[in-house]
Amino acid sequence: MPVKNSEILLGVLICVTIVGFLQSLIIFVLSKYVFAVSGLENMVGIMAIILLGCFIFSLMGMVIGSFLRTQESALLTGIFVSIILFVFSGAFIPLEHMSEVVFFLSKFNPFMLLEVFLKRVIIYRLAALTPDLVFIYLFECTLLWIVSISLFSRSKKQL
């Protein structure tokens, strides 16, 4: 019985998400207990947000990897996309100084979304997930999942 494309992608997604989560967990545990960083009292909420972040960035990587043929081009494209997303997350230039279109589109930026989640938990000590942010997150994940399955199916037929 052959394995479906969605099952292959789900296995890759789970594996990559777990690896990214474990790396992030090590960093946060070290920062809390070794370096005594304050504001990390709600480790369960922070870890849930980190898991969500690893999941969406793994999906983005799968879309990029399914779209391109070689590992080198996928790596360079992933770096390029990450830089663009990071620049338009408000880290370099305040989003208020950009046009209204860029400001609206930045709300869908995964970096921006995770930043809002983490600020709510670490700084303001609020619940991490609000319905509007969860809707945006689920919309992005669903869209990326559909695109990755269709691209993977297309690239598999070309082999």
C-alpha atoms as a PDB file:
ATOM      1  CA  MET A   1       0.000   0.000   0.000  1.00  0.00           C
ATOM      2  CA  PRO A   2       1.689   3.233  -1.119  1.00  0.00           C
ATOM      3  CA  VAL A   3       2.148   6.131   1.259  1.00  0.00           C
ATOM      4  CA  LYS A   4       0.130   9.257   0.481  1.00  0.00           C
ATOM      5  CA  ASN A   5       1.865  12.572  -0.160  1.00  0.00           C
ATOM      6  CA  SER A   6       0.099  14.129   2.798  1.00  0.00           C
ATOM      7  CA  GLU A   7       1.427  11.394   5.102  1.00  0.00           C
ATOM      8  CA  ILE A   8       4.999  11.928   3.902  1.00  0.00           C
ATOM      9  CA  LEU A   9       4.704  15.673   4.423  1.00  0.00           C
ATOM     10  CA  LEU A  10       3.078  15.237   7.826  1.00  0.00           C
ATOM     11  CA  GLY A  11       5.936  12.991   8.937  1.00  0.00           C
ATOM     12  CA  VAL A  12       8.527  15.528   7.772  1.00  0.00           C
ATOM     13  CA  LEU A  13       6.579  18.383   9.368  1.00  0.00           C
ATOM     14  CA  ILE A  14       6.306  16.659  12.741  1.00  0.00           C
ATOM     15  CA  CYS A  15       9.981  15.671  12.738  1.00  0.00           C
ATOM     16  CA  VAL A  16      11.279  19.134  11.813  1.00  0.00           C
ATOM     17  CA  THR A  17       8.893  20.839  14.251  1.00  0.00           C
ATOM     18  CA  ILE A  18      10.067  18.621  17.122  1.00  0.00           C
ATOM     19  CA  VAL A  19      13.735  19.297  16.347  1.00  0.00           C
ATOM     20  CA  GLY A  20      13.140  23.071  16.230  1.00  0.00           C
ATOM     21  CA  PHE A  21      11.078  22.922  19.406  1.00  0.00           C
ATOM     22  CA  LEU A  22      13.777  21.028  21.304  1.00  0.00           C
ATOM     23  CA  GLN A  23      16.411  23.556  20.205  1.00  0.00           C
ATOM     24  CA  SER A  24      14.206  26.432  21.372  1.00  0.00           C
ATOM     25  CA  LEU A  25      13.412  24.630  24.622  1.00  0.00           C
ATOM     26  CA  ILE A  26      17.122  24.319  25.406  1.00  0.00           C
ATOM     27  CA  ILE A  27      17.642  28.042  24.768  1.00  0.00           C
ATOM     28  CA  PHE A  28      14.719  29.095  26.971  1.00  0.00           C
ATOM     29  CA  VAL A  29      15.634  26.722  29.802  1.00  0.00           C
ATOM     30  CA  LEU A  30      19.220  28.004  29.740  1.00  0.00           C
ATOM     31  CA  SER A  31      18.068  31.609  29.735  1.00  0.00           C
ATOM     32  CA  LYS A  32      15.708  31.015  32.647  1.00  0.00           C
ATOM     33  CA  TYR A  33      17.876  28.883  34.925  1.00  0.00           C
ATOM     34  CA  VAL A  34      21.472  29.674  33.943  1.00  0.00           C
ATOM     35  CA  PHE A  35      21.221  33.338  33.012  1.00  0.00           C
ATOM     36  CA  ALA A  36      18.239  34.134  35.287  1.00  0.00           C
ATOM     37  CA  VAL A  37      16.283  36.066  32.653  1.00  0.00           C
ATOM     38  CA  SER A  38      13.152  37.517  34.224  1.00  0.00           C
ATOM     39  CA  GLY A  39       9.697  37.303  32.688  1.00  0.00           C
ATOM     40  CA  LEU A  40       9.865  33.626  31.841  1.00  0.00           C
ATOM     41  CA  GLU A  41       7.593  32.433  34.618  1.00  0.00           C
ATOM     42  CA  ASN A  42       4.914  31.143  32.239  1.00  0.00           C
ATOM     43  CA  MET A  43       7.103  28.543  30.539  1.00  0.00           C
ATOM     44  CA  VAL A  44       4.093  26.471  29.428  1.00  0.00           C
ATOM     45  CA  GLY A  45       2.640  29.409  27.489  1.00  0.00           C
ATOM     46  CA  ILE A  46       6.032  30.317  26.054  1.00  0.00           C
ATOM     47  CA  MET A  47       6.683  26.749  24.960  1.00  0.00           C
ATOM     48  CA  ALA A  48       3.232  26.568  23.322  1.00  0.00           C
ATOM     49  CA  ILE A  49       4.064  29.717  21.348  1.00  0.00           C
ATOM     50  CA  ILE A  50       7.478  28.360  20.391  1.00  0.00           C
ATOM     51  CA  LEU A  51       5.829  25.135  19.219  1.00  0.00           C
ATOM     52  CA  LEU A  52       3.420  27.154  17.068  1.00  0.00           C
ATOM     53  CA  GLY A  53       6.340  29.128  15.650  1.00  0.00           C
ATOM     54  CA  CYS A  54       8.327  26.009  14.831  1.00  0.00           C
ATOM     55  CA  PHE A  55       5.261  24.568  13.158  1.00  0.00           C
ATOM     56  CA  ILE A  56       4.593  27.540  10.875  1.00  0.00           C
ATOM     57  CA  PHE A  57       8.242  28.047   9.942  1.00  0.00           C
ATOM     58  CA  SER A  58       8.548  24.321   9.202  1.00  0.00           C
ATOM     59  CA  LEU A  59       5.555  24.644   6.904  1.00  0.00           C
ATOM     60  CA  MET A  60       7.184  27.612   5.184  1.00  0.00           C
ATOM     61  CA  GLY A  61      10.367  25.607   4.725  1.00  0.00           C
ATOM     62  CA  MET A  62       8.391  22.722   3.252  1.00  0.00           C
ATOM     63  CA  VAL A  63       6.741  25.049   0.741  1.00  0.00           C
ATOM     64  CA  ILE A  64      10.116  26.464  -0.277  1.00  0.00           C
ATOM     65  CA  GLY A  65      11.674  23.005  -0.415  1.00  0.00           C
ATOM     66  CA  SER A  66       8.843  21.611  -2.539  1.00  0.00           C
ATOM     67  CA  PHE A  67       9.011  24.562  -4.913  1.00  0.00           C
ATOM     68  CA  LEU A  68      12.727  24.323  -5.693  1.00  0.00           C
ATOM     69  CA  ARG A  69      14.773  21.424  -7.021  1.00  0.00           C
ATOM     70  CA  THR A  70      18.145  21.709  -5.280  1.00  0.00           C
ATOM     71  CA  GLN A  71      19.019  21.984  -1.632  1.00  0.00           C
ATOM     72  CA  GLU A  72      21.274  24.990  -2.232  1.00  0.00           C
ATOM     73  CA  SER A  73      18.569  27.008  -3.963  1.00  0.00           C
ATOM     74  CA  ALA A  74      16.056  26.093  -1.255  1.00  0.00           C
ATOM     75  CA  LEU A  75      18.506  27.203   1.440  1.00  0.00           C
ATOM     76  CA  LEU A  76      19.243  30.529  -0.269  1.00  0.00           C
ATOM     77  CA  THR A  77      15.554  31.165  -0.932  1.00  0.00           C
ATOM     78  CA  GLY A  78      14.708  30.353   2.686  1.00  0.00           C
ATOM     79  CA  ILE A  79      17.315  32.802   3.929  1.00  0.00           C
ATOM     80  CA  PHE A  80      16.073  35.476   1.525  1.00  0.00           C
ATOM     81  CA  VAL A  81      12.430  34.996   2.563  1.00  0.00           C
ATOM     82  CA  SER A  82      13.406  35.040   6.255  1.00  0.00           C
ATOM     83  CA  ILE A  83      15.315  38.291   5.833  1.00  0.00           C
ATOM     84  CA  ILE A  84      12.359  39.927   4.082  1.00  0.00           C
ATOM     85  CA  LEU A  85       9.952  38.738   6.779  1.00  0.00           C
ATOM     86  CA  PHE A  86      12.319  39.901   9.511  1.00  0.00           C
ATOM     87  CA  VAL A  87      12.760  43.365   7.989  1.00  0.00           C
ATOM     88  CA  PHE A  88       8.996  43.799   7.676  1.00  0.00           C
ATOM     89  CA  SER A  89       8.338  42.599  11.214  1.00  0.00           C
ATOM     90  CA  GLY A  90       9.089  45.997  12.701  1.00  0.00           C
ATOM     91  CA  ALA A  91      12.525  45.022  14.001  1.00  0.00           C
ATOM     92  CA  PHE A  92      14.446  47.502  11.832  1.00  0.00           C
ATOM     93  CA  ILE A  93      11.918  50.093  10.729  1.00  0.00           C
ATOM     94  CA  PRO A  94       8.816  50.866  12.786  1.00  0.00           C
ATOM     95  CA  LEU A  95       5.769  49.658  10.895  1.00  0.00           C
ATOM     96  CA  GLU A  96       3.977  52.903  11.619  1.00  0.00           C
ATOM     97  CA  HIS A  97       6.380  54.653   9.225  1.00  0.00           C
ATOM     98  CA  MET A  98       5.507  52.335   6.342  1.00  0.00           C
ATOM     99  CA  SER A  99       2.546  52.565   4.000  1.00  0.00           C
ATOM    100  CA  GLU A 100      -0.862  51.333   5.098  1.00  0.00           C
ATOM    101  CA  VAL A 101      -0.657  48.351   2.740  1.00  0.00           C
ATOM    102  CA  VAL A 102       2.667  47.204   4.223  1.00  0.00           C
ATOM    103  CA  PHE A 103       1.326  47.774   7.732  1.00  0.00           C
ATOM    104  CA  PHE A 104      -1.752  45.642   6.953  1.00  0.00           C
ATOM    105  CA  LEU A 105       0.292  42.864   5.334  1.00  0.00           C
ATOM    106  CA  SER A 106       2.735  42.806   8.241  1.00  0.00           C
ATOM    107  CA  LYS A 107      -0.081  41.542  10.472  1.00  0.00           C
ATOM    108  CA  PHE A 108       0.205  38.242   8.573  1.00  0.00           C
ATOM    109  CA  ASN A 109       3.973  38.058   9.011  1.00  0.00           C
ATOM    110  CA  PRO A 110       4.831  34.998  11.163  1.00  0.00           C
ATOM    111  CA  PHE A 111       7.617  36.925  12.920  1.00  0.00           C
ATOM    112  CA  MET A 112       5.161  39.656  13.854  1.00  0.00           C
ATOM    113  CA  LEU A 113       2.553  37.140  14.979  1.00  0.00           C
ATOM    114  CA  LEU A 114       4.988  35.319  17.257  1.00  0.00           C
ATOM    115  CA  GLU A 115       6.273  38.613  18.623  1.00  0.00           C
ATOM    116  CA  VAL A 116       2.737  39.616  19.632  1.00  0.00           C
ATOM    117  CA  PHE A 117       2.163  36.197  21.222  1.00  0.00           C
ATOM    118  CA  LEU A 118       5.431  36.387  23.197  1.00  0.00           C
ATOM    119  CA  LYS A 119       4.870  40.000  24.304  1.00  0.00           C
ATOM    120  CA  ARG A 120       1.437  39.070  25.640  1.00  0.00           C
ATOM    121  CA  VAL A 121       2.885  36.216  27.708  1.00  0.00           C
ATOM    122  CA  ILE A 122       6.268  37.580  28.810  1.00  0.00           C
ATOM    123  CA  ILE A 123       5.708  41.326  29.224  1.00  0.00           C
ATOM    124  CA  TYR A 124       1.986  41.752  29.866  1.00  0.00           C
ATOM    125  CA  ARG A 125       1.410  38.356  31.511  1.00  0.00           C
ATOM    126  CA  LEU A 126      -1.809  37.805  29.534  1.00  0.00           C
ATOM    127  CA  ALA A 127      -3.218  34.769  27.804  1.00  0.00           C
ATOM    128  CA  ALA A 128      -1.181  34.133  24.681  1.00  0.00           C
ATOM    129  CA  LEU A 129      -3.914  33.207  22.286  1.00  0.00           C
ATOM    130  CA  THR A 130      -6.689  35.573  21.296  1.00  0.00           C
ATOM    131  CA  PRO A 131      -9.338  34.570  18.748  1.00  0.00           C
ATOM    132  CA  ASP A 132      -8.222  37.031  16.059  1.00  0.00           C
ATOM    133  CA  LEU A 133      -4.564  36.004  16.271  1.00  0.00           C
ATOM    134  CA  VAL A 134      -5.462  32.316  16.349  1.00  0.00           C
ATOM    135  CA  PHE A 135      -7.613  32.806  13.237  1.00  0.00           C
ATOM    136  CA  ILE A 136      -4.730  34.466  11.373  1.00  0.00           C
ATOM    137  CA  TYR A 137      -2.361  31.713  12.486  1.00  0.00           C
ATOM    138  CA  LEU A 138      -4.720  28.894  11.458  1.00  0.00           C
ATOM    139  CA  PHE A 139      -5.397  30.598   8.122  1.00  0.00           C
ATOM    140  CA  GLU A 140      -1.658  30.818   7.400  1.00  0.00           C
ATOM    141  CA  CYS A 141      -1.054  27.209   8.429  1.00  0.00           C
ATOM    142  CA  THR A 142      -3.943  25.905   6.324  1.00  0.00           C
ATOM    143  CA  LEU A 143      -2.827  27.889   3.295  1.00  0.00           C
ATOM    144  CA  LEU A 144       0.783  26.744   3.642  1.00  0.00           C
ATOM    145  CA  TRP A 145      -0.309  23.114   4.109  1.00  0.00           C
ATOM    146  CA  ILE A 146      -2.442  23.172   0.946  1.00  0.00           C
ATOM    147  CA  VAL A 147       0.343  24.812  -1.061  1.00  0.00           C
ATOM    148  CA  SER A 148       2.976  22.380   0.227  1.00  0.00           C
ATOM    149  CA  ILE A 149       0.861  19.320  -0.639  1.00  0.00           C
ATOM    150  CA  SER A 150       0.117  20.595  -4.139  1.00  0.00           C
ATOM    151  CA  LEU A 151       3.762  21.553  -4.796  1.00  0.00           C
ATOM    152  CA  PHE A 152       5.033  18.266  -3.400  1.00  0.00           C
ATOM    153  CA  SER A 153       2.602  16.283  -5.554  1.00  0.00           C
ATOM    154  CA  ARG A 154       3.669  18.269  -8.624  1.00  0.00           C
ATOM    155  CA  SER A 155       7.391  17.881  -7.934  1.00  0.00           C
ATOM    156  CA  LYS A 156       6.976  14.154  -7.227  1.00  0.00           C
ATOM    157  CA  LYS A 157       5.339  13.642 -10.644  1.00  0.00           C
ATOM    158  CA  GLN A 158       8.252  15.423 -12.345  1.00  0.00           C
ATOM    159  CA  LEU A 159      10.808  12.986 -10.901  1.00  0.00           C
END
